[in-house]
């Protein structure tokens, strides 16, 4: 694995999103909604940096199984937060095709959000079928499988304080063996 973003770089992007959100929403209270499980670390870091009233909410959605390829988007519309009459910032750790963020943003708008913005820490350019991008993007990510800071591979690596790319041959090891090798070689946990 190769480190793509270290903890300091991630922190700088989180700070940048907080500044952007302040400009976008001013002093209005906002609902900060994060897509679980991946955005958990990003969501909590952003929530602590946005000044003013912030209500934190989560949405469980998934377009991945235990593997590495994108599949059908699944989420329970009844589990969406009540956003009627609120400003909403919807965050996810990564945007590939944009289907997850777009579908959730549309669903939240239908539930009465006054204004809604989307943000992704990472974005893989060129993956969206129609060029859609979140309103805010922290970092343009190479078209490689990435792990850490909420991103996982079959449950492994989500806890890492950094983001790393899998390199050629890493997927042959499988997630558990790769995690063990990463730690034995001095990787950060």
N, C-alpha and C. Protein backbone atom coordinates (compact mmCIF):
# COMPACT_ATOMS: atom_id res chain seq x y z
N UNK A 1 0.84 -1.18 0.00
CA UNK A 1 0.00 0.00 0.00
C UNK A 1 0.88 1.24 0.00
N UNK A 2 0.35 2.28 -0.59
CA UNK A 2 1.07 3.55 -0.68
C UNK A 2 0.21 4.63 -0.04
N UNK A 3 0.79 5.42 0.87
CA UNK A 3 0.05 6.49 1.55
C UNK A 3 -0.28 7.59 0.54
N UNK A 4 -1.56 7.92 0.50
CA UNK A 4 -2.06 8.97 -0.38
C UNK A 4 -2.23 10.28 0.38
N UNK A 5 -2.86 10.21 1.56
CA UNK A 5 -3.04 11.38 2.41
C UNK A 5 -2.66 11.02 3.84
N UNK A 6 -1.73 11.75 4.41
CA UNK A 6 -1.37 11.50 5.80
C UNK A 6 -2.35 12.26 6.71
N UNK A 7 -2.29 12.03 8.02
CA UNK A 7 -3.24 12.69 8.92
C UNK A 7 -3.23 14.22 8.84
N UNK A 8 -2.07 14.81 8.60
CA UNK A 8 -2.00 16.28 8.51
C UNK A 8 -2.72 16.78 7.27
N UNK A 9 -2.56 16.10 6.16
CA UNK A 9 -3.26 16.49 4.92
C UNK A 9 -4.77 16.33 5.08
N UNK A 10 -5.19 15.25 5.71
CA UNK A 10 -6.62 15.05 5.94
C UNK A 10 -7.17 16.17 6.80
N UNK A 11 -6.46 16.52 7.87
CA UNK A 11 -6.90 17.58 8.76
C UNK A 11 -7.03 18.91 8.02
N UNK A 12 -6.11 19.21 7.12
CA UNK A 12 -6.18 20.45 6.34
C UNK A 12 -7.43 20.46 5.46
N UNK A 13 -7.79 19.31 4.88
CA UNK A 13 -9.00 19.24 4.06
C UNK A 13 -10.26 19.40 4.91
N UNK A 14 -10.26 18.83 6.10
CA UNK A 14 -11.40 18.97 7.00
C UNK A 14 -11.56 20.44 7.39
N UNK A 15 -10.46 21.11 7.71
CA UNK A 15 -10.51 22.54 8.02
C UNK A 15 -11.07 23.34 6.84
N UNK A 16 -10.63 23.00 5.63
CA UNK A 16 -11.10 23.70 4.43
C UNK A 16 -12.60 23.52 4.24
N UNK A 17 -13.12 22.33 4.51
CA UNK A 17 -14.56 22.11 4.38
C UNK A 17 -15.32 22.94 5.42
N UNK A 18 -14.82 23.03 6.64
CA UNK A 18 -15.48 23.83 7.67
C UNK A 18 -15.56 25.29 7.26
N UNK A 19 -14.49 25.81 6.68
CA UNK A 19 -14.48 27.20 6.20
C UNK A 19 -15.50 27.36 5.06
N UNK A 20 -15.51 26.42 4.14
CA UNK A 20 -16.44 26.46 3.01
C UNK A 20 -17.89 26.42 3.51
N UNK A 21 -18.18 25.54 4.47
CA UNK A 21 -19.54 25.42 5.01
C UNK A 21 -19.97 26.71 5.69
N UNK A 22 -19.06 27.36 6.40
CA UNK A 22 -19.37 28.63 7.06
C UNK A 22 -19.74 29.68 6.02
N UNK A 23 -19.00 29.71 4.89
CA UNK A 23 -19.32 30.66 3.81
C UNK A 23 -20.66 30.32 3.17
N UNK A 24 -20.93 29.03 2.98
CA UNK A 24 -22.15 28.60 2.30
C UNK A 24 -23.39 28.85 3.15
N UNK A 25 -23.33 28.51 4.44
CA UNK A 25 -24.51 28.56 5.29
C UNK A 25 -24.52 29.71 6.28
N UNK A 26 -23.42 30.45 6.37
CA UNK A 26 -23.35 31.56 7.31
C UNK A 26 -23.49 31.08 8.74
N UNK A 27 -24.31 31.79 9.51
CA UNK A 27 -24.50 31.42 10.91
C UNK A 27 -25.75 30.57 11.13
N UNK A 28 -26.40 30.17 10.05
CA UNK A 28 -27.62 29.35 10.17
C UNK A 28 -27.29 27.99 10.78
N UNK A 29 -28.18 27.49 11.63
CA UNK A 29 -27.99 26.12 12.12
C UNK A 29 -28.07 25.15 10.94
N UNK A 30 -27.28 24.10 11.00
CA UNK A 30 -27.30 23.13 9.91
C UNK A 30 -27.45 21.71 10.44
N UNK A 31 -27.95 20.86 9.55
CA UNK A 31 -27.94 19.44 9.80
C UNK A 31 -26.75 18.89 9.02
N UNK A 32 -25.83 18.29 9.71
CA UNK A 32 -24.66 17.67 9.09
C UNK A 32 -24.95 16.17 9.04
N UNK A 33 -25.15 15.65 7.84
CA UNK A 33 -25.51 14.24 7.67
C UNK A 33 -24.37 13.50 6.99
N UNK A 34 -24.01 12.35 7.53
CA UNK A 34 -22.92 11.56 6.97
C UNK A 34 -23.40 10.19 6.56
N UNK A 35 -22.79 9.69 5.49
CA UNK A 35 -23.14 8.37 4.97
C UNK A 35 -22.30 7.32 5.69
N UNK A 36 -23.00 6.41 6.38
CA UNK A 36 -22.32 5.34 7.12
C UNK A 36 -22.01 4.16 6.23
N UNK A 37 -20.99 3.43 6.54
CA UNK A 37 -20.11 3.54 7.68
C UNK A 37 -18.89 4.39 7.35
N UNK A 38 -18.63 4.56 6.06
CA UNK A 38 -17.38 5.17 5.63
C UNK A 38 -17.13 6.58 6.11
N UNK A 39 -18.16 7.41 6.17
CA UNK A 39 -17.96 8.83 6.50
C UNK A 39 -17.88 9.09 8.00
N UNK A 40 -17.89 8.05 8.82
CA UNK A 40 -17.94 8.22 10.26
C UNK A 40 -16.82 9.12 10.80
N UNK A 41 -15.59 8.86 10.42
CA UNK A 41 -14.46 9.66 10.91
C UNK A 41 -14.50 11.08 10.34
N UNK A 42 -14.77 11.20 9.05
CA UNK A 42 -14.88 12.50 8.38
C UNK A 42 -16.00 13.32 9.01
N UNK A 43 -17.16 12.70 9.20
CA UNK A 43 -18.31 13.37 9.78
C UNK A 43 -17.99 13.93 11.16
N UNK A 44 -17.38 13.12 12.01
CA UNK A 44 -17.10 13.58 13.38
C UNK A 44 -16.05 14.69 13.38
N UNK A 45 -15.05 14.61 12.52
CA UNK A 45 -14.04 15.67 12.46
C UNK A 45 -14.63 16.98 11.93
N UNK A 46 -15.47 16.89 10.90
CA UNK A 46 -16.10 18.10 10.35
C UNK A 46 -17.03 18.72 11.39
N UNK A 47 -17.82 17.89 12.08
CA UNK A 47 -18.77 18.40 13.07
C UNK A 47 -18.07 19.23 14.15
N UNK A 48 -16.89 18.82 14.55
CA UNK A 48 -16.17 19.55 15.60
C UNK A 48 -15.57 20.85 15.10
N UNK A 49 -15.48 21.02 13.80
CA UNK A 49 -14.84 22.22 13.26
C UNK A 49 -15.81 23.28 12.74
N UNK A 50 -17.06 22.92 12.53
CA UNK A 50 -18.03 23.90 12.04
C UNK A 50 -18.55 24.69 13.24
N UNK A 51 -18.38 26.02 13.19
CA UNK A 51 -18.86 26.83 14.32
C UNK A 51 -20.38 26.96 14.30
N UNK A 52 -20.96 27.24 15.45
CA UNK A 52 -22.40 27.45 15.51
C UNK A 52 -23.16 26.17 15.80
N UNK A 53 -24.45 26.24 15.55
CA UNK A 53 -25.33 25.10 15.84
C UNK A 53 -25.26 24.07 14.72
N UNK A 54 -24.90 22.87 15.09
CA UNK A 54 -24.80 21.76 14.14
C UNK A 54 -25.51 20.56 14.75
N UNK A 55 -26.47 20.03 14.01
CA UNK A 55 -27.12 18.78 14.42
C UNK A 55 -26.53 17.68 13.55
N UNK A 56 -25.98 16.66 14.18
CA UNK A 56 -25.31 15.58 13.45
C UNK A 56 -26.27 14.40 13.29
N UNK A 57 -26.30 13.88 12.07
CA UNK A 57 -27.15 12.75 11.76
C UNK A 57 -26.40 11.80 10.84
N UNK A 58 -26.83 10.56 10.80
CA UNK A 58 -26.19 9.59 9.93
C UNK A 58 -27.23 8.89 9.05
N UNK A 59 -26.77 8.42 7.92
CA UNK A 59 -27.61 7.68 6.99
C UNK A 59 -26.84 6.43 6.60
N UNK A 60 -27.47 5.29 6.79
CA UNK A 60 -26.83 4.04 6.39
C UNK A 60 -27.18 3.78 4.92
N UNK A 61 -26.17 3.78 4.10
CA UNK A 61 -26.34 3.50 2.68
C UNK A 61 -25.11 2.73 2.21
N UNK A 62 -25.30 1.91 1.19
CA UNK A 62 -24.18 1.11 0.72
C UNK A 62 -24.32 0.80 -0.76
N UNK A 63 -23.21 0.88 -1.45
CA UNK A 63 -23.16 0.42 -2.83
C UNK A 63 -22.04 -0.60 -3.00
N UNK A 64 -21.53 -1.09 -1.87
CA UNK A 64 -20.47 -2.10 -1.87
C UNK A 64 -20.91 -3.29 -1.05
N UNK A 65 -20.50 -4.46 -1.46
CA UNK A 65 -20.68 -5.65 -0.62
C UNK A 65 -19.39 -5.83 0.16
N UNK A 66 -18.91 -7.06 0.24
CA UNK A 66 -17.64 -7.32 0.91
C UNK A 66 -16.47 -7.18 -0.04
N UNK A 67 -16.75 -6.94 -1.29
CA UNK A 67 -15.69 -6.89 -2.30
C UNK A 67 -15.21 -5.49 -2.58
N UNK A 68 -14.69 -5.30 -3.79
CA UNK A 68 -14.06 -4.04 -4.15
C UNK A 68 -14.82 -3.31 -5.24
N UNK A 69 -15.89 -3.85 -5.79
CA UNK A 69 -16.56 -3.20 -6.90
C UNK A 69 -17.89 -2.62 -6.48
N UNK A 70 -18.29 -1.54 -7.13
CA UNK A 70 -19.53 -0.86 -6.83
C UNK A 70 -20.72 -1.68 -7.32
N UNK A 71 -21.77 -1.65 -6.56
CA UNK A 71 -22.97 -2.39 -6.94
C UNK A 71 -24.20 -1.52 -6.81
N UNK A 72 -25.30 -2.12 -6.50
CA UNK A 72 -26.58 -1.46 -6.36
C UNK A 72 -26.64 -0.65 -5.07
N UNK A 73 -27.13 0.59 -5.14
CA UNK A 73 -27.26 1.44 -3.97
C UNK A 73 -28.44 0.97 -3.11
N UNK A 74 -28.17 0.83 -1.81
CA UNK A 74 -29.22 0.44 -0.88
C UNK A 74 -29.24 1.42 0.29
N UNK A 75 -30.47 1.94 0.60
CA UNK A 75 -30.67 2.72 1.82
C UNK A 75 -32.15 2.69 2.16
N UNK A 76 -32.45 2.87 3.42
CA UNK A 76 -33.82 2.86 3.90
C UNK A 76 -34.33 4.29 3.95
N UNK A 77 -35.25 4.68 3.06
CA UNK A 77 -35.75 6.06 3.05
C UNK A 77 -36.38 6.48 4.38
N UNK A 78 -36.93 5.52 5.12
CA UNK A 78 -37.55 5.84 6.41
C UNK A 78 -36.52 6.21 7.48
N UNK A 79 -35.26 5.89 7.24
CA UNK A 79 -34.22 6.20 8.23
C UNK A 79 -33.58 7.57 8.00
N UNK A 80 -34.02 8.29 6.99
CA UNK A 80 -33.44 9.61 6.71
C UNK A 80 -33.79 10.58 7.84
N UNK A 81 -32.87 11.49 8.17
CA UNK A 81 -33.15 12.46 9.24
C UNK A 81 -34.23 13.45 8.82
N UNK A 82 -34.90 14.03 9.81
CA UNK A 82 -35.89 15.06 9.55
C UNK A 82 -35.13 16.36 9.24
N UNK A 83 -35.18 16.79 8.01
CA UNK A 83 -34.45 18.00 7.60
C UNK A 83 -35.38 19.11 7.14
N UNK A 84 -36.69 18.93 7.30
CA UNK A 84 -37.66 19.94 6.85
C UNK A 84 -37.33 21.28 7.50
N UNK A 85 -37.15 22.30 6.66
CA UNK A 85 -36.87 23.64 7.14
C UNK A 85 -35.44 23.88 7.59
N UNK A 86 -34.53 22.97 7.27
CA UNK A 86 -33.13 23.09 7.70
C UNK A 86 -32.18 23.22 6.51
N UNK A 87 -31.02 23.78 6.81
CA UNK A 87 -29.91 23.76 5.87
C UNK A 87 -29.16 22.46 6.13
N UNK A 88 -28.73 21.79 5.06
CA UNK A 88 -28.14 20.46 5.20
C UNK A 88 -26.80 20.39 4.47
N UNK A 89 -25.82 19.81 5.15
CA UNK A 89 -24.55 19.47 4.52
C UNK A 89 -24.43 17.96 4.59
N UNK A 90 -24.47 17.31 3.42
CA UNK A 90 -24.38 15.86 3.30
C UNK A 90 -22.95 15.49 2.94
N UNK A 91 -22.29 14.69 3.79
CA UNK A 91 -20.89 14.35 3.57
C UNK A 91 -20.70 12.85 3.38
N UNK A 92 -19.76 12.52 2.53
CA UNK A 92 -19.33 11.14 2.33
C UNK A 92 -17.81 11.17 2.19
N UNK A 93 -17.18 10.05 2.50
CA UNK A 93 -15.72 10.03 2.45
C UNK A 93 -15.20 9.97 1.03
N UNK A 94 -15.97 9.38 0.09
CA UNK A 94 -15.50 9.26 -1.28
C UNK A 94 -16.67 9.33 -2.24
N UNK A 95 -16.43 9.97 -3.37
CA UNK A 95 -17.42 10.03 -4.45
C UNK A 95 -16.78 9.40 -5.68
N UNK A 96 -17.36 8.32 -6.13
CA UNK A 96 -16.88 7.67 -7.36
C UNK A 96 -17.84 8.01 -8.48
N UNK A 97 -18.95 7.32 -8.56
CA UNK A 97 -19.93 7.60 -9.62
C UNK A 97 -20.86 8.74 -9.24
N UNK A 98 -20.98 9.03 -7.95
CA UNK A 98 -21.87 10.08 -7.48
C UNK A 98 -23.28 9.58 -7.19
N UNK A 99 -23.55 8.32 -7.48
CA UNK A 99 -24.92 7.81 -7.29
C UNK A 99 -25.39 7.89 -5.84
N UNK A 100 -24.54 7.57 -4.90
CA UNK A 100 -24.95 7.58 -3.50
C UNK A 100 -25.29 8.99 -3.04
N UNK A 101 -24.37 9.92 -3.22
CA UNK A 101 -24.61 11.29 -2.77
C UNK A 101 -25.80 11.91 -3.48
N UNK A 102 -25.92 11.69 -4.78
CA UNK A 102 -27.05 12.27 -5.53
C UNK A 102 -28.38 11.72 -5.06
N UNK A 103 -28.46 10.40 -4.89
CA UNK A 103 -29.73 9.79 -4.46
C UNK A 103 -30.12 10.26 -3.07
N UNK A 104 -29.15 10.32 -2.16
CA UNK A 104 -29.45 10.78 -0.81
C UNK A 104 -29.79 12.26 -0.78
N UNK A 105 -29.09 13.06 -1.57
CA UNK A 105 -29.40 14.50 -1.65
C UNK A 105 -30.82 14.71 -2.17
N UNK A 106 -31.18 13.98 -3.21
CA UNK A 106 -32.54 14.10 -3.75
C UNK A 106 -33.58 13.71 -2.70
N UNK A 107 -33.31 12.63 -1.97
CA UNK A 107 -34.25 12.18 -0.94
C UNK A 107 -34.38 13.21 0.18
N UNK A 108 -33.28 13.83 0.58
CA UNK A 108 -33.32 14.85 1.63
C UNK A 108 -34.01 16.12 1.15
N UNK A 109 -33.82 16.48 -0.11
CA UNK A 109 -34.54 17.64 -0.66
C UNK A 109 -36.05 17.37 -0.64
N UNK A 110 -36.43 16.16 -0.97
CA UNK A 110 -37.85 15.80 -0.95
C UNK A 110 -38.42 15.84 0.47
N UNK A 111 -37.57 15.72 1.45
CA UNK A 111 -38.01 15.79 2.85
C UNK A 111 -38.01 17.22 3.37
N UNK A 112 -37.77 18.21 2.49
CA UNK A 112 -37.96 19.61 2.86
C UNK A 112 -36.74 20.41 3.26
N UNK A 113 -35.53 19.99 2.89
CA UNK A 113 -34.34 20.80 3.19
C UNK A 113 -34.45 22.16 2.50
N UNK A 114 -34.13 23.23 3.21
CA UNK A 114 -34.15 24.57 2.63
C UNK A 114 -33.05 24.71 1.58
N UNK A 115 -31.87 24.31 1.97
CA UNK A 115 -30.70 24.34 1.09
C UNK A 115 -29.87 23.12 1.44
N UNK A 116 -29.31 22.48 0.44
CA UNK A 116 -28.53 21.28 0.66
C UNK A 116 -27.27 21.33 -0.18
N UNK A 117 -26.14 21.04 0.46
CA UNK A 117 -24.87 20.96 -0.25
C UNK A 117 -24.27 19.58 0.00
N UNK A 118 -23.51 19.09 -0.98
CA UNK A 118 -22.85 17.79 -0.85
C UNK A 118 -21.35 17.99 -0.79
N UNK A 119 -20.68 17.14 -0.01
CA UNK A 119 -19.23 17.23 0.13
C UNK A 119 -18.64 15.83 0.21
N UNK A 120 -17.49 15.65 -0.41
CA UNK A 120 -16.76 14.38 -0.35
C UNK A 120 -15.29 14.69 -0.11
N UNK A 121 -14.68 13.97 0.80
CA UNK A 121 -13.25 14.16 1.06
C UNK A 121 -12.45 13.79 -0.18
N UNK A 122 -12.82 12.67 -0.82
CA UNK A 122 -12.14 12.20 -2.02
C UNK A 122 -13.12 12.13 -3.18
N UNK A 123 -12.63 12.39 -4.38
CA UNK A 123 -13.46 12.25 -5.57
C UNK A 123 -12.61 11.65 -6.68
N UNK A 124 -13.15 10.63 -7.33
CA UNK A 124 -12.46 10.02 -8.46
C UNK A 124 -13.01 10.64 -9.74
N UNK A 125 -12.25 11.54 -10.37
CA UNK A 125 -12.75 12.22 -11.55
C UNK A 125 -12.98 11.25 -12.71
N UNK A 126 -14.01 11.56 -13.50
CA UNK A 126 -14.28 10.78 -14.69
C UNK A 126 -15.09 9.53 -14.44
N UNK A 127 -15.48 9.25 -13.20
CA UNK A 127 -16.24 8.04 -12.90
C UNK A 127 -17.76 8.25 -13.05
N UNK A 128 -18.20 9.51 -12.90
CA UNK A 128 -19.62 9.80 -13.02
C UNK A 128 -20.03 9.72 -14.49
N UNK A 129 -21.20 9.11 -14.73
CA UNK A 129 -21.65 8.96 -16.12
C UNK A 129 -21.98 10.29 -16.78
N UNK A 130 -22.40 11.28 -16.00
CA UNK A 130 -22.78 12.57 -16.59
C UNK A 130 -21.94 13.74 -16.08
N UNK A 131 -20.82 13.44 -15.43
CA UNK A 131 -19.93 14.50 -14.97
C UNK A 131 -20.32 15.14 -13.65
N UNK A 132 -21.31 14.59 -12.95
CA UNK A 132 -21.74 15.16 -11.67
C UNK A 132 -20.63 15.09 -10.65
N UNK A 133 -20.52 16.15 -9.86
CA UNK A 133 -19.54 16.22 -8.77
C UNK A 133 -20.20 16.81 -7.54
N UNK A 134 -19.70 16.46 -6.36
CA UNK A 134 -20.21 17.11 -5.15
C UNK A 134 -19.92 18.61 -5.19
N UNK A 135 -20.64 19.36 -4.37
CA UNK A 135 -20.43 20.82 -4.30
C UNK A 135 -19.04 21.15 -3.78
N UNK A 136 -18.51 20.31 -2.89
CA UNK A 136 -17.17 20.50 -2.34
C UNK A 136 -16.41 19.18 -2.41
N UNK A 137 -15.17 19.26 -2.88
CA UNK A 137 -14.29 18.08 -2.95
C UNK A 137 -12.97 18.45 -2.30
N UNK A 138 -12.50 17.59 -1.41
CA UNK A 138 -11.23 17.84 -0.74
C UNK A 138 -10.03 17.46 -1.58
N UNK A 139 -10.08 16.32 -2.25
CA UNK A 139 -8.90 15.80 -2.93
C UNK A 139 -9.33 14.95 -4.12
N UNK A 140 -8.71 15.19 -5.27
CA UNK A 140 -8.92 14.35 -6.45
C UNK A 140 -8.13 13.06 -6.25
N UNK A 141 -8.81 11.96 -6.25
CA UNK A 141 -8.23 10.67 -5.92
C UNK A 141 -7.91 9.89 -7.20
N UNK A 142 -6.78 9.21 -7.24
CA UNK A 142 -6.51 8.37 -8.41
C UNK A 142 -7.53 7.23 -8.48
N UNK A 143 -7.72 6.69 -9.65
CA UNK A 143 -8.68 5.61 -9.84
C UNK A 143 -8.08 4.29 -9.36
N UNK A 144 -7.86 4.22 -8.05
CA UNK A 144 -7.34 3.04 -7.38
C UNK A 144 -8.21 2.78 -6.15
N UNK A 145 -8.15 1.58 -5.64
CA UNK A 145 -8.89 1.26 -4.44
C UNK A 145 -8.15 1.86 -3.25
N UNK A 146 -8.86 2.61 -2.42
CA UNK A 146 -8.25 3.30 -1.29
C UNK A 146 -8.87 2.83 0.03
N UNK A 147 -8.06 2.87 1.08
CA UNK A 147 -8.49 2.43 2.40
C UNK A 147 -7.99 3.42 3.45
N UNK A 148 -8.60 3.35 4.63
CA UNK A 148 -8.20 4.19 5.74
C UNK A 148 -9.15 5.35 5.93
N UNK A 149 -9.13 5.95 7.12
CA UNK A 149 -9.96 7.09 7.50
C UNK A 149 -11.43 6.86 7.12
N UNK A 150 -11.90 5.67 7.43
CA UNK A 150 -13.29 5.31 7.17
C UNK A 150 -13.48 4.37 6.00
N UNK A 151 -12.55 4.38 5.07
CA UNK A 151 -12.64 3.51 3.90
C UNK A 151 -12.10 2.13 4.26
N UNK A 152 -12.85 1.10 3.90
CA UNK A 152 -12.40 -0.23 4.28
C UNK A 152 -12.34 -1.17 3.08
N UNK A 153 -11.73 -2.30 3.33
CA UNK A 153 -11.75 -3.41 2.39
C UNK A 153 -12.17 -4.62 3.21
N UNK A 154 -13.42 -5.04 3.01
CA UNK A 154 -13.99 -6.17 3.73
C UNK A 154 -13.80 -6.04 5.25
N UNK A 155 -14.01 -4.81 5.74
CA UNK A 155 -13.93 -4.56 7.17
C UNK A 155 -12.56 -4.20 7.71
N UNK A 156 -11.53 -4.33 6.94
CA UNK A 156 -10.17 -4.01 7.38
C UNK A 156 -9.81 -2.57 6.97
N UNK A 157 -8.90 -1.95 7.71
CA UNK A 157 -8.25 -0.68 7.40
C UNK A 157 -9.08 0.57 7.73
N UNK A 158 -10.37 0.45 8.04
CA UNK A 158 -11.21 1.62 8.27
C UNK A 158 -10.63 2.53 9.36
N UNK A 159 -9.96 1.96 10.34
CA UNK A 159 -9.47 2.70 11.51
C UNK A 159 -8.19 3.49 11.27
N UNK A 160 -7.54 3.30 10.14
CA UNK A 160 -6.27 4.00 9.90
C UNK A 160 -6.47 5.51 9.88
N UNK A 161 -5.54 6.29 10.45
CA UNK A 161 -5.68 7.75 10.47
C UNK A 161 -5.21 8.41 9.17
N UNK A 162 -4.98 7.60 8.15
CA UNK A 162 -4.49 8.08 6.86
C UNK A 162 -5.27 7.38 5.76
N UNK A 163 -5.04 7.80 4.53
CA UNK A 163 -5.65 7.14 3.38
C UNK A 163 -4.53 6.60 2.51
N UNK A 164 -4.66 5.32 2.15
CA UNK A 164 -3.64 4.65 1.35
C UNK A 164 -4.29 3.99 0.14
N UNK A 165 -3.51 3.88 -0.94
CA UNK A 165 -3.94 3.20 -2.17
C UNK A 165 -3.40 1.78 -2.14
N UNK A 166 -4.21 0.84 -2.59
CA UNK A 166 -3.70 -0.50 -2.80
C UNK A 166 -2.82 -0.46 -4.04
N UNK A 167 -1.72 -1.15 -3.98
CA UNK A 167 -0.81 -1.22 -5.13
C UNK A 167 -0.99 -2.55 -5.84
N UNK A 168 -0.42 -2.65 -7.00
CA UNK A 168 -0.52 -3.86 -7.81
C UNK A 168 -0.10 -5.08 -6.99
N UNK A 169 -0.93 -6.09 -6.97
CA UNK A 169 -0.65 -7.31 -6.24
C UNK A 169 -1.22 -7.34 -4.83
N UNK A 170 -1.55 -6.18 -4.26
CA UNK A 170 -2.10 -6.15 -2.90
C UNK A 170 -3.40 -6.94 -2.81
N UNK A 171 -4.25 -6.82 -3.84
CA UNK A 171 -5.54 -7.50 -3.77
C UNK A 171 -5.40 -9.02 -3.79
N UNK A 172 -4.28 -9.52 -4.30
CA UNK A 172 -4.04 -10.97 -4.30
C UNK A 172 -3.86 -11.52 -2.90
N UNK A 173 -3.38 -10.69 -1.98
CA UNK A 173 -3.18 -11.13 -0.60
C UNK A 173 -4.49 -11.29 0.16
N UNK A 174 -5.47 -10.49 -0.21
CA UNK A 174 -6.70 -10.44 0.56
C UNK A 174 -6.56 -9.42 1.68
N UNK A 175 -7.68 -8.94 2.22
CA UNK A 175 -7.63 -7.86 3.21
C UNK A 175 -6.93 -8.22 4.51
N UNK A 176 -7.13 -9.41 5.04
CA UNK A 176 -6.53 -9.77 6.33
C UNK A 176 -5.01 -9.91 6.20
N UNK A 177 -4.55 -10.63 5.18
CA UNK A 177 -3.10 -10.81 5.00
C UNK A 177 -2.42 -9.48 4.69
N UNK A 178 -3.08 -8.62 3.91
CA UNK A 178 -2.50 -7.31 3.61
C UNK A 178 -2.42 -6.47 4.88
N UNK A 179 -3.44 -6.52 5.73
CA UNK A 179 -3.42 -5.77 6.99
C UNK A 179 -2.26 -6.25 7.87
N UNK A 180 -2.08 -7.56 7.94
CA UNK A 180 -0.98 -8.10 8.74
C UNK A 180 0.38 -7.69 8.18
N UNK A 181 0.53 -7.73 6.86
CA UNK A 181 1.79 -7.29 6.26
C UNK A 181 2.03 -5.81 6.51
N UNK A 182 0.99 -5.00 6.34
CA UNK A 182 1.09 -3.55 6.54
C UNK A 182 1.59 -3.25 7.95
N UNK A 183 1.02 -3.91 8.94
CA UNK A 183 1.43 -3.68 10.33
C UNK A 183 2.84 -4.20 10.60
N UNK A 184 3.18 -5.35 10.05
CA UNK A 184 4.51 -5.92 10.28
C UNK A 184 5.61 -5.08 9.64
N UNK A 185 5.26 -4.32 8.60
CA UNK A 185 6.23 -3.45 7.92
C UNK A 185 6.25 -2.05 8.51
N UNK A 186 5.58 -1.86 9.64
CA UNK A 186 5.63 -0.56 10.30
C UNK A 186 4.50 0.38 9.92
N UNK A 187 3.46 -0.14 9.26
CA UNK A 187 2.30 0.68 8.91
C UNK A 187 1.66 1.25 10.16
N UNK A 188 0.96 2.32 10.01
CA UNK A 188 0.31 2.99 11.14
C UNK A 188 -1.07 2.41 11.36
N UNK A 189 -1.39 2.14 12.61
CA UNK A 189 -2.73 1.63 12.92
C UNK A 189 -3.52 2.67 13.68
